[in-house]
């Protein structure tokens, strides 16, 4: 019996070594919680801006609904307050996600920038870059109503595609983002709420579940 248990333990050790070499499994649940919290704060600031007195009702309609009345240049785009809020929110979420993942990798003695993490980053980056270019063109032509669903769909596709190189639960987070994005296509005027639900609530729920499952001990 002892010999059998030793063999089982050895197989478990081999399985863990193979998993570590092929998958980046040090994603921290706290990263998801932090990113989701940043997204909710950003959505609240954007919503407050949209409803502020210095923001005309016509501007809100243009942001909420698809409207192709000419195009805007990159200078106008960079000066838009909503774009600035989105940029700051993205940077803050990225920095915090990296920080918590780095701390978990250091604690577990796993290299943060190894072969597995490089494969993960590459498979996340390709759909994200394509989606980013697509969304920039959407904004440039003022079809704002498709920005939120586009963000959710392309982000979800990147998570779903990259899930084979990290924790399997990431696939379900990606599917959730895709489903929200597709539903948002039929409720264009509510993009900010779908954006907050996807990038905010889903991230927090996912992060809490992953922390409870893998990190609480």
N, C-alpha and C. Protein backbone atom coordinates (compact mmCIF):
# COMPACT_ATOMS: atom_id res chain seq x y z
N UNK A 1 0.83 -1.20 0.00
CA UNK A 1 0.00 0.00 0.00
C UNK A 1 0.87 1.26 0.00
N UNK A 2 1.96 1.24 0.83
CA UNK A 2 2.84 2.39 0.89
C UNK A 2 3.50 2.64 -0.45
N UNK A 3 3.90 1.52 -1.11
CA UNK A 3 4.54 1.64 -2.43
C UNK A 3 3.58 2.25 -3.44
N UNK A 4 2.33 1.83 -3.39
CA UNK A 4 1.32 2.36 -4.30
C UNK A 4 1.11 3.85 -4.07
N UNK A 5 1.06 4.25 -2.80
CA UNK A 5 0.89 5.67 -2.47
C UNK A 5 2.08 6.49 -2.95
N UNK A 6 3.28 5.91 -2.84
CA UNK A 6 4.47 6.61 -3.30
C UNK A 6 4.42 6.82 -4.81
N UNK A 7 3.95 5.80 -5.54
CA UNK A 7 3.82 5.93 -6.98
C UNK A 7 2.79 7.00 -7.35
N UNK A 8 1.68 7.03 -6.61
CA UNK A 8 0.65 8.04 -6.87
C UNK A 8 1.18 9.45 -6.59
N UNK A 9 1.94 9.58 -5.51
CA UNK A 9 2.54 10.87 -5.20
C UNK A 9 3.52 11.30 -6.28
N UNK A 10 4.29 10.34 -6.77
CA UNK A 10 5.26 10.64 -7.82
C UNK A 10 4.55 11.09 -9.10
N UNK A 11 3.44 10.41 -9.43
CA UNK A 11 2.67 10.78 -10.62
C UNK A 11 2.07 12.18 -10.46
N UNK A 12 1.61 12.50 -9.24
CA UNK A 12 1.07 13.82 -8.99
C UNK A 12 2.14 14.90 -9.16
N UNK A 13 3.35 14.60 -8.67
CA UNK A 13 4.45 15.54 -8.81
C UNK A 13 4.81 15.75 -10.28
N UNK A 14 4.83 14.67 -11.05
CA UNK A 14 5.13 14.77 -12.48
C UNK A 14 4.07 15.58 -13.20
N UNK A 15 2.80 15.35 -12.82
CA UNK A 15 1.68 16.09 -13.43
C UNK A 15 1.81 17.58 -13.15
N UNK A 16 2.16 17.93 -11.89
CA UNK A 16 2.32 19.33 -11.54
C UNK A 16 3.47 19.97 -12.30
N UNK A 17 4.57 19.23 -12.47
CA UNK A 17 5.72 19.76 -13.20
C UNK A 17 5.37 20.00 -14.66
N UNK A 18 4.64 19.06 -15.26
CA UNK A 18 4.24 19.22 -16.65
C UNK A 18 3.27 20.39 -16.81
N UNK A 19 2.37 20.55 -15.84
CA UNK A 19 1.41 21.64 -15.90
C UNK A 19 2.12 22.98 -15.77
N UNK A 20 3.10 23.05 -14.90
CA UNK A 20 3.84 24.29 -14.73
C UNK A 20 4.65 24.65 -15.96
N UNK A 21 5.14 23.64 -16.68
CA UNK A 21 5.94 23.89 -17.86
C UNK A 21 5.09 24.27 -19.07
N UNK A 22 3.84 23.84 -19.10
CA UNK A 22 2.98 24.10 -20.26
C UNK A 22 1.93 25.17 -20.01
N UNK A 23 1.66 25.48 -18.75
CA UNK A 23 0.64 26.46 -18.42
C UNK A 23 1.16 27.45 -17.39
N UNK A 24 0.71 28.70 -17.54
CA UNK A 24 1.04 29.70 -16.53
C UNK A 24 -0.09 29.70 -15.51
N UNK A 25 0.16 29.11 -14.34
CA UNK A 25 -0.90 28.89 -13.36
C UNK A 25 -0.77 29.80 -12.14
N UNK A 26 -0.01 30.90 -12.28
CA UNK A 26 0.19 31.80 -11.15
C UNK A 26 -0.67 33.05 -11.23
N UNK A 27 -1.66 33.04 -12.12
CA UNK A 27 -2.58 34.18 -12.14
C UNK A 27 -3.27 34.29 -10.79
N UNK A 28 -3.24 35.46 -10.21
CA UNK A 28 -3.81 35.66 -8.89
C UNK A 28 -5.28 36.06 -8.97
N UNK A 29 -6.08 35.47 -8.09
CA UNK A 29 -7.47 35.87 -8.01
C UNK A 29 -7.61 37.32 -7.60
N UNK A 30 -6.66 37.82 -6.80
CA UNK A 30 -6.67 39.22 -6.40
C UNK A 30 -6.50 40.14 -7.59
N UNK A 31 -5.82 39.66 -8.63
CA UNK A 31 -5.68 40.45 -9.86
C UNK A 31 -7.04 40.70 -10.49
N UNK A 32 -7.88 39.66 -10.53
CA UNK A 32 -9.22 39.82 -11.07
C UNK A 32 -10.06 40.77 -10.25
N UNK A 33 -9.96 40.65 -8.93
CA UNK A 33 -10.72 41.54 -8.05
C UNK A 33 -10.28 42.99 -8.24
N UNK A 34 -8.96 43.20 -8.32
CA UNK A 34 -8.43 44.56 -8.49
C UNK A 34 -8.84 45.14 -9.84
N UNK A 35 -8.72 44.33 -10.91
CA UNK A 35 -9.10 44.81 -12.24
C UNK A 35 -10.59 45.13 -12.31
N UNK A 36 -11.41 44.28 -11.71
CA UNK A 36 -12.84 44.52 -11.69
C UNK A 36 -13.20 45.78 -10.91
N UNK A 37 -12.53 46.00 -9.81
CA UNK A 37 -12.78 47.20 -9.00
C UNK A 37 -12.41 48.46 -9.78
N UNK A 38 -11.28 48.42 -10.49
CA UNK A 38 -10.88 49.56 -11.32
C UNK A 38 -11.92 49.83 -12.41
N UNK A 39 -12.43 48.75 -13.01
CA UNK A 39 -13.43 48.89 -14.07
C UNK A 39 -14.71 49.53 -13.54
N UNK A 40 -15.15 49.13 -12.35
CA UNK A 40 -16.36 49.71 -11.77
C UNK A 40 -16.17 51.18 -11.43
N UNK A 41 -14.99 51.52 -10.92
CA UNK A 41 -14.69 52.93 -10.63
C UNK A 41 -14.68 53.74 -11.92
N UNK A 42 -14.04 53.19 -12.96
CA UNK A 42 -13.99 53.87 -14.25
C UNK A 42 -15.38 54.05 -14.85
N UNK A 43 -16.22 53.03 -14.73
CA UNK A 43 -17.59 53.11 -15.25
C UNK A 43 -18.39 54.16 -14.49
N UNK A 44 -18.18 54.22 -13.18
CA UNK A 44 -18.87 55.23 -12.37
C UNK A 44 -18.45 56.64 -12.77
N UNK A 45 -17.15 56.85 -12.98
CA UNK A 45 -16.65 58.17 -13.39
C UNK A 45 -17.18 58.54 -14.78
N UNK A 46 -17.21 57.56 -15.69
CA UNK A 46 -17.72 57.82 -17.03
C UNK A 46 -19.21 58.15 -16.99
N UNK A 47 -19.95 57.39 -16.19
CA UNK A 47 -21.39 57.65 -16.05
C UNK A 47 -21.63 59.03 -15.44
N UNK A 48 -20.83 59.40 -14.46
CA UNK A 48 -20.94 60.71 -13.83
C UNK A 48 -20.64 61.81 -14.84
N UNK A 49 -19.66 61.56 -15.71
CA UNK A 49 -19.30 62.54 -16.74
C UNK A 49 -20.42 62.69 -17.75
N UNK A 50 -21.00 61.58 -18.16
CA UNK A 50 -22.07 61.62 -19.14
C UNK A 50 -23.27 62.40 -18.61
N UNK A 51 -23.55 62.26 -17.32
CA UNK A 51 -24.72 62.91 -16.73
C UNK A 51 -24.42 64.28 -16.13
N UNK A 52 -23.16 64.73 -16.26
CA UNK A 52 -22.79 66.02 -15.68
C UNK A 52 -23.40 67.16 -16.47
N UNK A 53 -23.45 68.32 -15.86
CA UNK A 53 -24.10 69.47 -16.48
C UNK A 53 -23.35 69.96 -17.72
N UNK A 54 -22.02 69.78 -17.74
CA UNK A 54 -21.25 70.28 -18.87
C UNK A 54 -21.24 69.32 -20.04
N UNK A 55 -22.00 68.24 -19.93
CA UNK A 55 -22.08 67.25 -21.01
C UNK A 55 -23.47 67.35 -21.63
N UNK A 56 -23.57 67.78 -22.87
CA UNK A 56 -24.86 68.00 -23.51
C UNK A 56 -25.59 66.69 -23.74
N UNK A 57 -26.92 66.75 -23.73
CA UNK A 57 -27.71 65.55 -23.95
C UNK A 57 -27.44 64.97 -25.33
N UNK A 58 -27.15 65.83 -26.30
CA UNK A 58 -26.86 65.34 -27.65
C UNK A 58 -25.57 64.53 -27.65
N UNK A 59 -24.61 64.91 -26.79
CA UNK A 59 -23.38 64.14 -26.69
C UNK A 59 -23.65 62.74 -26.14
N UNK A 60 -24.54 62.66 -25.14
CA UNK A 60 -24.88 61.36 -24.57
C UNK A 60 -25.53 60.46 -25.60
N UNK A 61 -26.43 61.02 -26.38
CA UNK A 61 -27.10 60.22 -27.42
C UNK A 61 -26.08 59.73 -28.45
N UNK A 62 -25.12 60.57 -28.75
CA UNK A 62 -24.13 60.19 -29.74
C UNK A 62 -23.22 59.08 -29.21
N UNK A 63 -22.91 59.13 -27.91
CA UNK A 63 -22.08 58.09 -27.31
C UNK A 63 -22.87 56.80 -27.14
N UNK A 64 -24.11 56.92 -26.75
CA UNK A 64 -24.91 55.74 -26.44
C UNK A 64 -25.35 54.99 -27.68
N UNK A 65 -25.66 55.72 -28.75
CA UNK A 65 -26.21 55.08 -29.94
C UNK A 65 -25.29 55.25 -31.12
N UNK A 66 -25.38 54.31 -32.03
CA UNK A 66 -24.56 54.34 -33.23
C UNK A 66 -24.89 55.57 -34.05
N UNK A 67 -23.86 56.29 -34.46
CA UNK A 67 -24.08 57.51 -35.23
C UNK A 67 -22.86 57.79 -36.08
N UNK A 68 -22.98 57.69 -37.39
CA UNK A 68 -21.85 57.90 -38.30
C UNK A 68 -21.99 59.24 -39.00
N UNK A 69 -21.70 60.32 -38.29
CA UNK A 69 -21.78 61.66 -38.86
C UNK A 69 -20.38 62.22 -39.00
N UNK A 70 -19.63 61.69 -39.94
CA UNK A 70 -18.27 62.11 -40.15
C UNK A 70 -17.32 61.38 -39.24
N UNK A 71 -16.05 61.73 -39.31
CA UNK A 71 -15.03 61.06 -38.51
C UNK A 71 -14.29 62.08 -37.67
N UNK A 72 -13.55 61.59 -36.69
CA UNK A 72 -12.74 62.45 -35.84
C UNK A 72 -11.29 62.01 -35.96
N UNK A 73 -10.36 62.93 -35.72
CA UNK A 73 -8.95 62.58 -35.83
C UNK A 73 -8.41 62.15 -34.47
N UNK A 74 -7.16 61.72 -34.46
CA UNK A 74 -6.58 61.17 -33.24
C UNK A 74 -6.39 62.24 -32.16
N UNK A 75 -6.19 63.50 -32.57
CA UNK A 75 -6.04 64.57 -31.59
C UNK A 75 -7.33 64.78 -30.82
N UNK A 76 -8.45 64.80 -31.54
CA UNK A 76 -9.75 64.90 -30.89
C UNK A 76 -10.01 63.70 -29.99
N UNK A 77 -9.59 62.54 -30.46
CA UNK A 77 -9.80 61.31 -29.71
C UNK A 77 -9.04 61.34 -28.39
N UNK A 78 -7.78 61.79 -28.43
CA UNK A 78 -6.95 61.82 -27.23
C UNK A 78 -7.46 62.83 -26.21
N UNK A 79 -8.14 63.87 -26.69
CA UNK A 79 -8.62 64.91 -25.78
C UNK A 79 -9.99 64.61 -25.19
N UNK A 80 -10.64 63.54 -25.65
CA UNK A 80 -11.97 63.19 -25.15
C UNK A 80 -11.86 62.69 -23.71
N UNK A 81 -12.67 63.25 -22.82
CA UNK A 81 -12.57 62.91 -21.39
C UNK A 81 -12.92 61.45 -21.12
N UNK A 82 -13.88 60.89 -21.87
CA UNK A 82 -14.25 59.50 -21.67
C UNK A 82 -13.13 58.56 -22.09
N UNK A 83 -12.44 58.91 -23.17
CA UNK A 83 -11.29 58.11 -23.60
C UNK A 83 -10.18 58.18 -22.56
N UNK A 84 -9.99 59.34 -21.97
CA UNK A 84 -8.97 59.49 -20.94
C UNK A 84 -9.30 58.65 -19.71
N UNK A 85 -10.58 58.64 -19.32
CA UNK A 85 -11.00 57.80 -18.18
C UNK A 85 -10.75 56.33 -18.49
N UNK A 86 -11.12 55.90 -19.71
CA UNK A 86 -10.92 54.50 -20.10
C UNK A 86 -9.45 54.13 -20.10
N UNK A 87 -8.59 55.04 -20.57
CA UNK A 87 -7.14 54.77 -20.63
C UNK A 87 -6.55 54.63 -19.23
N UNK A 88 -6.90 55.56 -18.35
CA UNK A 88 -6.40 55.51 -16.97
C UNK A 88 -6.89 54.25 -16.26
N UNK A 89 -8.16 53.91 -16.48
CA UNK A 89 -8.73 52.70 -15.87
C UNK A 89 -7.99 51.46 -16.34
N UNK A 90 -7.71 51.37 -17.64
CA UNK A 90 -7.00 50.22 -18.20
C UNK A 90 -5.59 50.10 -17.63
N UNK A 91 -4.88 51.22 -17.55
CA UNK A 91 -3.50 51.20 -17.02
C UNK A 91 -3.50 50.79 -15.56
N UNK A 92 -4.42 51.34 -14.77
CA UNK A 92 -4.49 51.00 -13.35
C UNK A 92 -4.80 49.52 -13.15
N UNK A 93 -5.76 49.00 -13.92
CA UNK A 93 -6.11 47.58 -13.81
C UNK A 93 -4.95 46.70 -14.22
N UNK A 94 -4.24 47.08 -15.27
CA UNK A 94 -3.10 46.29 -15.75
C UNK A 94 -1.97 46.26 -14.73
N UNK A 95 -1.67 47.41 -14.14
CA UNK A 95 -0.59 47.49 -13.15
C UNK A 95 -0.92 46.64 -11.92
N UNK A 96 -2.14 46.76 -11.42
CA UNK A 96 -2.53 45.99 -10.24
C UNK A 96 -2.57 44.49 -10.53
N UNK A 97 -3.07 44.13 -11.71
CA UNK A 97 -3.11 42.71 -12.09
C UNK A 97 -1.70 42.14 -12.16
N UNK A 98 -0.79 42.90 -12.75
CA UNK A 98 0.61 42.46 -12.83
C UNK A 98 1.22 42.34 -11.44
N UNK A 99 0.93 43.30 -10.57
CA UNK A 99 1.52 43.30 -9.23
C UNK A 99 1.10 42.07 -8.44
N UNK A 100 -0.20 41.77 -8.41
CA UNK A 100 -0.67 40.62 -7.63
C UNK A 100 -0.19 39.30 -8.23
N UNK A 101 -0.13 39.23 -9.55
CA UNK A 101 0.37 38.02 -10.19
C UNK A 101 1.86 37.84 -9.92
N UNK A 102 2.60 38.93 -9.94
CA UNK A 102 4.04 38.88 -9.62
C UNK A 102 4.26 38.39 -8.19
N UNK A 103 3.47 38.90 -7.26
CA UNK A 103 3.62 38.50 -5.86
C UNK A 103 3.30 37.02 -5.68
N UNK A 104 2.28 36.53 -6.38
CA UNK A 104 1.95 35.11 -6.25
C UNK A 104 3.04 34.24 -6.90
N UNK A 105 3.54 34.67 -8.05
CA UNK A 105 4.61 33.92 -8.72
C UNK A 105 5.86 33.85 -7.84
N UNK A 106 6.19 34.96 -7.20
CA UNK A 106 7.35 35.00 -6.32
C UNK A 106 7.16 34.09 -5.12
N UNK A 107 5.94 34.09 -4.57
CA UNK A 107 5.64 33.25 -3.40
C UNK A 107 5.74 31.77 -3.74
N UNK A 108 5.31 31.40 -4.95
CA UNK A 108 5.32 30.00 -5.35
C UNK A 108 6.62 29.58 -6.03
N UNK A 109 7.54 30.53 -6.22
CA UNK A 109 8.82 30.22 -6.83
C UNK A 109 8.72 29.90 -8.31
N UNK A 110 7.74 30.52 -8.99
CA UNK A 110 7.54 30.28 -10.43
C UNK A 110 8.02 31.50 -11.20
N UNK A 111 8.75 31.28 -12.28
CA UNK A 111 9.24 32.37 -13.11
C UNK A 111 8.07 33.11 -13.76
N UNK A 112 8.06 34.41 -13.59
CA UNK A 112 6.96 35.20 -14.15
C UNK A 112 7.04 35.29 -15.66
N UNK A 113 8.24 35.37 -16.20
CA UNK A 113 8.42 35.53 -17.64
C UNK A 113 9.10 34.29 -18.22
N UNK A 114 8.39 33.17 -18.15
CA UNK A 114 8.91 31.92 -18.71
C UNK A 114 8.23 31.59 -20.02
N UNK A 115 8.43 30.37 -20.49
CA UNK A 115 7.84 29.95 -21.76
C UNK A 115 6.32 29.95 -21.70
N UNK A 116 5.77 29.48 -20.57
CA UNK A 116 4.31 29.41 -20.45
C UNK A 116 3.69 30.80 -20.46
N UNK A 117 4.27 31.73 -19.72
CA UNK A 117 3.71 33.08 -19.67
C UNK A 117 3.87 33.79 -21.01
N UNK A 118 4.94 33.51 -21.74
CA UNK A 118 5.12 34.11 -23.07
C UNK A 118 4.05 33.61 -24.04
N UNK A 119 3.78 32.31 -23.99
CA UNK A 119 2.71 31.76 -24.84
C UNK A 119 1.37 32.37 -24.48
N UNK A 120 1.14 32.53 -23.18
CA UNK A 120 -0.11 33.12 -22.72
C UNK A 120 -0.25 34.55 -23.23
N UNK A 121 0.79 35.35 -23.06
CA UNK A 121 0.74 36.75 -23.47
C UNK A 121 0.54 36.88 -24.97
N UNK A 122 1.20 36.03 -25.76
CA UNK A 122 1.07 36.10 -27.21
C UNK A 122 -0.36 35.81 -27.63
N UNK A 123 -0.96 34.77 -27.03
CA UNK A 123 -2.31 34.38 -27.42
C UNK A 123 -3.37 35.35 -26.91
N UNK A 124 -3.06 36.09 -25.84
CA UNK A 124 -3.95 37.16 -25.40
C UNK A 124 -3.79 38.39 -26.29
N UNK A 125 -2.54 38.68 -26.67
CA UNK A 125 -2.24 39.93 -27.36
C UNK A 125 -2.84 39.99 -28.77
N UNK A 126 -2.81 38.89 -29.50
CA UNK A 126 -3.25 38.94 -30.90
C UNK A 126 -4.71 39.37 -31.03
N UNK A 127 -5.68 38.71 -30.36
CA UNK A 127 -7.07 39.19 -30.46
C UNK A 127 -7.25 40.59 -29.88
N UNK A 128 -6.49 40.93 -28.82
CA UNK A 128 -6.62 42.24 -28.20
C UNK A 128 -6.15 43.35 -29.15
N UNK A 129 -5.04 43.12 -29.84
CA UNK A 129 -4.52 44.12 -30.76
C UNK A 129 -5.47 44.31 -31.94
N UNK A 130 -5.94 43.20 -32.49
CA UNK A 130 -6.91 43.27 -33.59
C UNK A 130 -8.16 44.01 -33.14
N UNK A 131 -8.66 43.65 -31.96
CA UNK A 131 -9.84 44.32 -31.43
C UNK A 131 -9.60 45.79 -31.16
N UNK A 132 -8.41 46.13 -30.67
CA UNK A 132 -8.08 47.53 -30.41
C UNK A 132 -8.12 48.38 -31.66
N UNK A 133 -7.54 47.86 -32.75
CA UNK A 133 -7.56 48.58 -34.03
C UNK A 133 -8.99 48.74 -34.52
N UNK A 134 -9.77 47.67 -34.41
CA UNK A 134 -11.17 47.69 -34.85
C UNK A 134 -11.97 48.74 -34.07
N UNK A 135 -11.76 48.78 -32.75
CA UNK A 135 -12.50 49.72 -31.91
C UNK A 135 -12.06 51.16 -32.15
N UNK A 136 -10.78 51.38 -32.41
CA UNK A 136 -10.31 52.73 -32.75
C UNK A 136 -10.99 53.25 -34.01
N UNK A 137 -11.18 52.38 -34.99
CA UNK A 137 -11.88 52.79 -36.21
C UNK A 137 -13.35 53.07 -35.93
N UNK A 138 -13.95 52.29 -35.02
CA UNK A 138 -15.34 52.54 -34.63
C UNK A 138 -15.46 53.94 -34.01
N UNK A 139 -14.53 54.27 -33.11
CA UNK A 139 -14.56 55.57 -32.45
C UNK A 139 -14.29 56.68 -33.45
N UNK A 140 -13.33 56.44 -34.34
CA UNK A 140 -12.98 57.44 -35.33
C UNK A 140 -14.18 57.84 -36.19
N UNK A 141 -15.03 56.90 -36.49
CA UNK A 141 -16.21 57.16 -37.31
C UNK A 141 -17.47 57.41 -36.47
N UNK A 142 -17.27 57.60 -35.16
CA UNK A 142 -18.33 58.01 -34.25
C UNK A 142 -19.46 56.99 -34.09
N UNK A 143 -19.21 55.77 -34.39
CA UNK A 143 -20.23 54.73 -34.16
C UNK A 143 -20.03 54.18 -32.74
N UNK A 144 -20.24 55.05 -31.77
CA UNK A 144 -19.89 54.76 -30.38
C UNK A 144 -20.69 53.60 -29.79
N UNK A 145 -21.87 53.37 -30.32
CA UNK A 145 -22.71 52.33 -29.75
C UNK A 145 -22.12 50.95 -29.78
N UNK A 146 -21.12 50.72 -30.66
CA UNK A 146 -20.52 49.40 -30.78
C UNK A 146 -19.19 49.28 -30.06
N UNK A 147 -18.79 50.33 -29.35
CA UNK A 147 -17.51 50.29 -28.63
C UNK A 147 -17.56 49.27 -27.48
N UNK A 148 -18.57 49.38 -26.62
CA UNK A 148 -18.67 48.48 -25.46
C UNK A 148 -18.82 47.02 -25.88
N UNK A 149 -19.76 46.68 -26.78
CA UNK A 149 -19.84 45.27 -27.19
C UNK A 149 -18.58 44.79 -27.89
N UNK A 150 -17.93 45.68 -28.65
CA UNK A 150 -16.67 45.29 -29.31
C UNK A 150 -15.58 44.96 -28.31
N UNK A 151 -15.47 45.80 -27.26
CA UNK A 151 -14.48 45.54 -26.19
C UNK A 151 -14.74 44.20 -25.52
N UNK A 152 -15.99 43.95 -25.18
CA UNK A 152 -16.34 42.71 -24.48
C UNK A 152 -16.09 41.48 -25.35
N UNK A 153 -16.48 41.56 -26.61
CA UNK A 153 -16.36 40.40 -27.50
C UNK A 153 -14.90 40.06 -27.77
N UNK A 154 -14.10 41.07 -28.13
CA UNK A 154 -12.69 40.79 -28.45
C UNK A 154 -11.91 40.38 -27.19
N UNK A 155 -12.22 40.99 -26.06
CA UNK A 155 -11.55 40.59 -24.82
C UNK A 155 -11.94 39.16 -24.45
N UNK A 156 -13.21 38.84 -24.60
CA UNK A 156 -13.66 37.48 -24.32
C UNK A 156 -13.00 36.46 -25.23
N UNK A 157 -12.86 36.80 -26.50
CA UNK A 157 -12.19 35.90 -27.45
C UNK A 157 -10.73 35.69 -27.07
N UNK A 158 -10.06 36.74 -26.61
CA UNK A 158 -8.66 36.60 -26.22
C UNK A 158 -8.52 35.70 -24.99
N UNK A 159 -9.43 35.83 -24.03
CA UNK A 159 -9.39 34.97 -22.85
C UNK A 159 -9.69 33.52 -23.21
N UNK A 160 -10.71 33.34 -24.03
CA UNK A 160 -11.09 31.98 -24.42
C UNK A 160 -9.96 31.31 -25.20
N UNK A 161 -9.33 32.06 -26.08
CA UNK A 161 -8.24 31.51 -26.91
C UNK A 161 -7.02 31.18 -26.06
N UNK A 162 -6.75 32.01 -25.04
CA UNK A 162 -5.54 31.84 -24.23
C UNK A 162 -5.73 30.91 -23.05
N UNK A 163 -6.96 30.46 -22.80
CA UNK A 163 -7.24 29.66 -21.60
C UNK A 163 -6.48 28.34 -21.59
N UNK A 164 -6.11 27.83 -22.76
CA UNK A 164 -5.37 26.56 -22.81
C UNK A 164 -3.96 26.71 -22.26
N UNK A 165 -3.50 27.95 -22.06
CA UNK A 165 -2.15 28.18 -21.55
C UNK A 165 -2.14 28.67 -20.10
N UNK A 166 -3.30 28.65 -19.45
CA UNK A 166 -3.36 29.07 -18.06
C UNK A 166 -4.49 28.29 -17.35
N UNK A 167 -5.03 28.84 -16.29
CA UNK A 167 -6.10 28.16 -15.56
C UNK A 167 -7.32 27.96 -16.45
N UNK A 168 -7.90 26.77 -16.39
CA UNK A 168 -9.03 26.46 -17.25
C UNK A 168 -10.25 27.33 -17.00
N UNK A 169 -10.37 27.87 -15.79
CA UNK A 169 -11.52 28.71 -15.46
C UNK A 169 -11.55 30.00 -16.27
N UNK A 170 -10.40 30.40 -16.82
CA UNK A 170 -10.35 31.61 -17.63
C UNK A 170 -11.28 31.49 -18.84
N UNK A 171 -11.45 30.27 -19.33
CA UNK A 171 -12.33 30.04 -20.48
C UNK A 171 -13.76 30.49 -20.18
N UNK A 172 -14.23 30.23 -18.97
CA UNK A 172 -15.59 30.61 -18.62
C UNK A 172 -15.73 32.12 -18.45
N UNK A 173 -14.67 32.75 -17.96
CA UNK A 173 -14.67 34.21 -17.89
C UNK A 173 -14.77 34.78 -19.30
N UNK A 174 -14.01 34.20 -20.23
CA UNK A 174 -14.06 34.66 -21.62
C UNK A 174 -15.43 34.47 -22.23
N UNK A 175 -16.04 33.31 -21.99
CA UNK A 175 -17.38 33.07 -22.52
C UNK A 175 -18.39 34.07 -21.96
N UNK A 176 -18.26 34.39 -20.69
CA UNK A 176 -19.15 35.36 -20.08
C UNK A 176 -19.03 36.73 -20.74
N UNK A 177 -17.78 37.14 -21.04
CA UNK A 177 -17.57 38.42 -21.71
C UNK A 177 -18.18 38.41 -23.11
N UNK A 178 -17.98 37.32 -23.84
CA UNK A 178 -18.52 37.22 -25.20
C UNK A 178 -20.04 37.29 -25.19
N UNK A 179 -20.66 36.56 -24.28
CA UNK A 179 -22.13 36.54 -24.21
C UNK A 179 -22.67 37.93 -23.88
N UNK A 180 -22.05 38.62 -22.92
CA UNK A 180 -22.49 39.98 -22.60
C UNK A 180 -22.33 40.91 -23.80
N UNK A 181 -21.22 40.78 -24.51
CA UNK A 181 -20.99 41.61 -25.69
C UNK A 181 -22.02 41.38 -26.77
N UNK A 182 -22.36 40.13 -27.01
CA UNK A 182 -23.35 39.81 -28.04
C UNK A 182 -24.74 40.34 -27.64
N UNK A 183 -25.11 40.18 -26.38
CA UNK A 183 -26.39 40.71 -25.92
C UNK A 183 -26.42 42.23 -26.05
N UNK A 184 -25.29 42.87 -25.76
CA UNK A 184 -25.20 44.32 -25.84
C UNK A 184 -25.46 44.85 -27.25
N UNK A 185 -25.23 44.02 -28.27
CA UNK A 185 -25.50 44.44 -29.65
C UNK A 185 -26.97 44.75 -29.87
N UNK A 186 -27.84 44.16 -29.06
CA UNK A 186 -29.28 44.42 -29.17
C UNK A 186 -29.75 45.48 -28.17
N UNK A 187 -28.85 45.94 -27.30
CA UNK A 187 -29.18 46.98 -26.32
C UNK A 187 -28.06 48.02 -26.36
N UNK A 188 -27.91 48.65 -27.52
CA UNK A 188 -26.76 49.52 -27.77
C UNK A 188 -26.70 50.68 -26.79
N UNK A 189 -27.83 51.22 -26.40
CA UNK A 189 -27.82 52.38 -25.53
C UNK A 189 -27.38 52.12 -24.11
N UNK A 190 -27.16 50.85 -23.76
CA UNK A 190 -26.80 50.48 -22.40
C UNK A 190 -25.38 49.93 -22.33
N UNK A 191 -24.53 50.35 -23.25
CA UNK A 191 -23.17 49.82 -23.33
C UNK A 191 -22.36 50.01 -22.07
N UNK A 192 -22.51 51.15 -21.42
CA UNK A 192 -21.73 51.41 -20.20
C UNK A 192 -22.07 50.42 -19.10
N UNK A 193 -23.33 50.04 -19.01
CA UNK A 193 -23.76 49.09 -17.98
C UNK A 193 -23.25 47.68 -18.29
N UNK A 194 -23.29 47.30 -19.57
CA UNK A 194 -22.73 46.00 -19.96
C UNK A 194 -21.22 45.98 -19.74
N UNK A 195 -20.58 47.09 -20.04
CA UNK A 195 -19.13 47.21 -19.85
C UNK A 195 -18.78 47.03 -18.37
N UNK A 196 -19.57 47.68 -17.50
CA UNK A 196 -19.33 47.55 -16.06
C UNK A 196 -19.60 46.13 -15.57
N UNK A 197 -20.64 45.51 -16.13
CA UNK A 197 -20.96 44.13 -15.73
C UNK A 197 -19.86 43.16 -16.16
N UNK A 198 -19.35 43.33 -17.39
CA UNK A 198 -18.34 42.42 -17.90
C UNK A 198 -16.97 42.63 -17.28
N UNK A 199 -16.45 43.84 -17.42
CA UNK A 199 -15.10 44.12 -16.93
C UNK A 199 -15.06 44.31 -15.42
N UNK A 200 -16.19 44.69 -14.83
CA UNK A 200 -16.22 44.90 -13.40
C UNK A 200 -16.71 43.70 -12.62
N UNK A 201 -18.00 43.42 -12.72
CA UNK A 201 -18.62 42.38 -11.89
C UNK A 201 -18.06 41.00 -12.19
N UNK A 202 -17.97 40.63 -13.48
CA UNK A 202 -17.46 39.29 -13.82
C UNK A 202 -16.03 39.08 -13.34
N UNK A 203 -15.20 40.12 -13.45
CA UNK A 203 -13.82 40.00 -12.98
C UNK A 203 -13.77 39.79 -11.47
N UNK A 204 -14.59 40.54 -10.75
CA UNK A 204 -14.59 40.41 -9.29
C UNK A 204 -15.08 39.03 -8.87
N UNK A 205 -16.16 38.56 -9.50
CA UNK A 205 -16.68 37.23 -9.17
C UNK A 205 -15.65 36.16 -9.51
N UNK A 206 -15.04 36.25 -10.69
CA UNK A 206 -14.01 35.29 -11.10
C UNK A 206 -12.83 35.33 -10.14
N UNK A 207 -12.35 36.55 -9.83
CA UNK A 207 -11.19 36.68 -8.95
C UNK A 207 -11.45 36.12 -7.57
N UNK A 208 -12.65 36.38 -7.04
CA UNK A 208 -12.99 35.86 -5.71
C UNK A 208 -13.04 34.34 -5.71
N UNK A 209 -13.60 33.75 -6.77
CA UNK A 209 -13.67 32.29 -6.86
C UNK A 209 -12.28 31.68 -6.98
N UNK A 210 -11.42 32.30 -7.79
CA UNK A 210 -10.06 31.77 -7.95
C UNK A 210 -9.24 31.91 -6.68
N UNK A 211 -9.42 33.03 -5.98
CA UNK A 211 -8.71 33.20 -4.71
C UNK A 211 -9.17 32.14 -3.71
N UNK A 212 -10.46 31.91 -3.63
CA UNK A 212 -11.01 30.93 -2.70
C UNK A 212 -10.53 29.52 -3.05
N UNK A 213 -10.43 29.23 -4.32
CA UNK A 213 -10.08 27.87 -4.75
C UNK A 213 -8.58 27.60 -4.66
N UNK A 214 -7.74 28.58 -4.99
CA UNK A 214 -6.32 28.31 -5.12
C UNK A 214 -5.42 29.02 -4.10
N UNK A 215 -5.88 30.12 -3.50
CA UNK A 215 -4.95 30.96 -2.73
C UNK A 215 -5.28 31.12 -1.26
N UNK A 216 -6.50 30.84 -0.84
CA UNK A 216 -6.88 31.18 0.53
C UNK A 216 -6.08 30.42 1.58
N UNK A 217 -5.49 29.28 1.23
CA UNK A 217 -4.71 28.52 2.19
C UNK A 217 -3.23 28.89 2.14
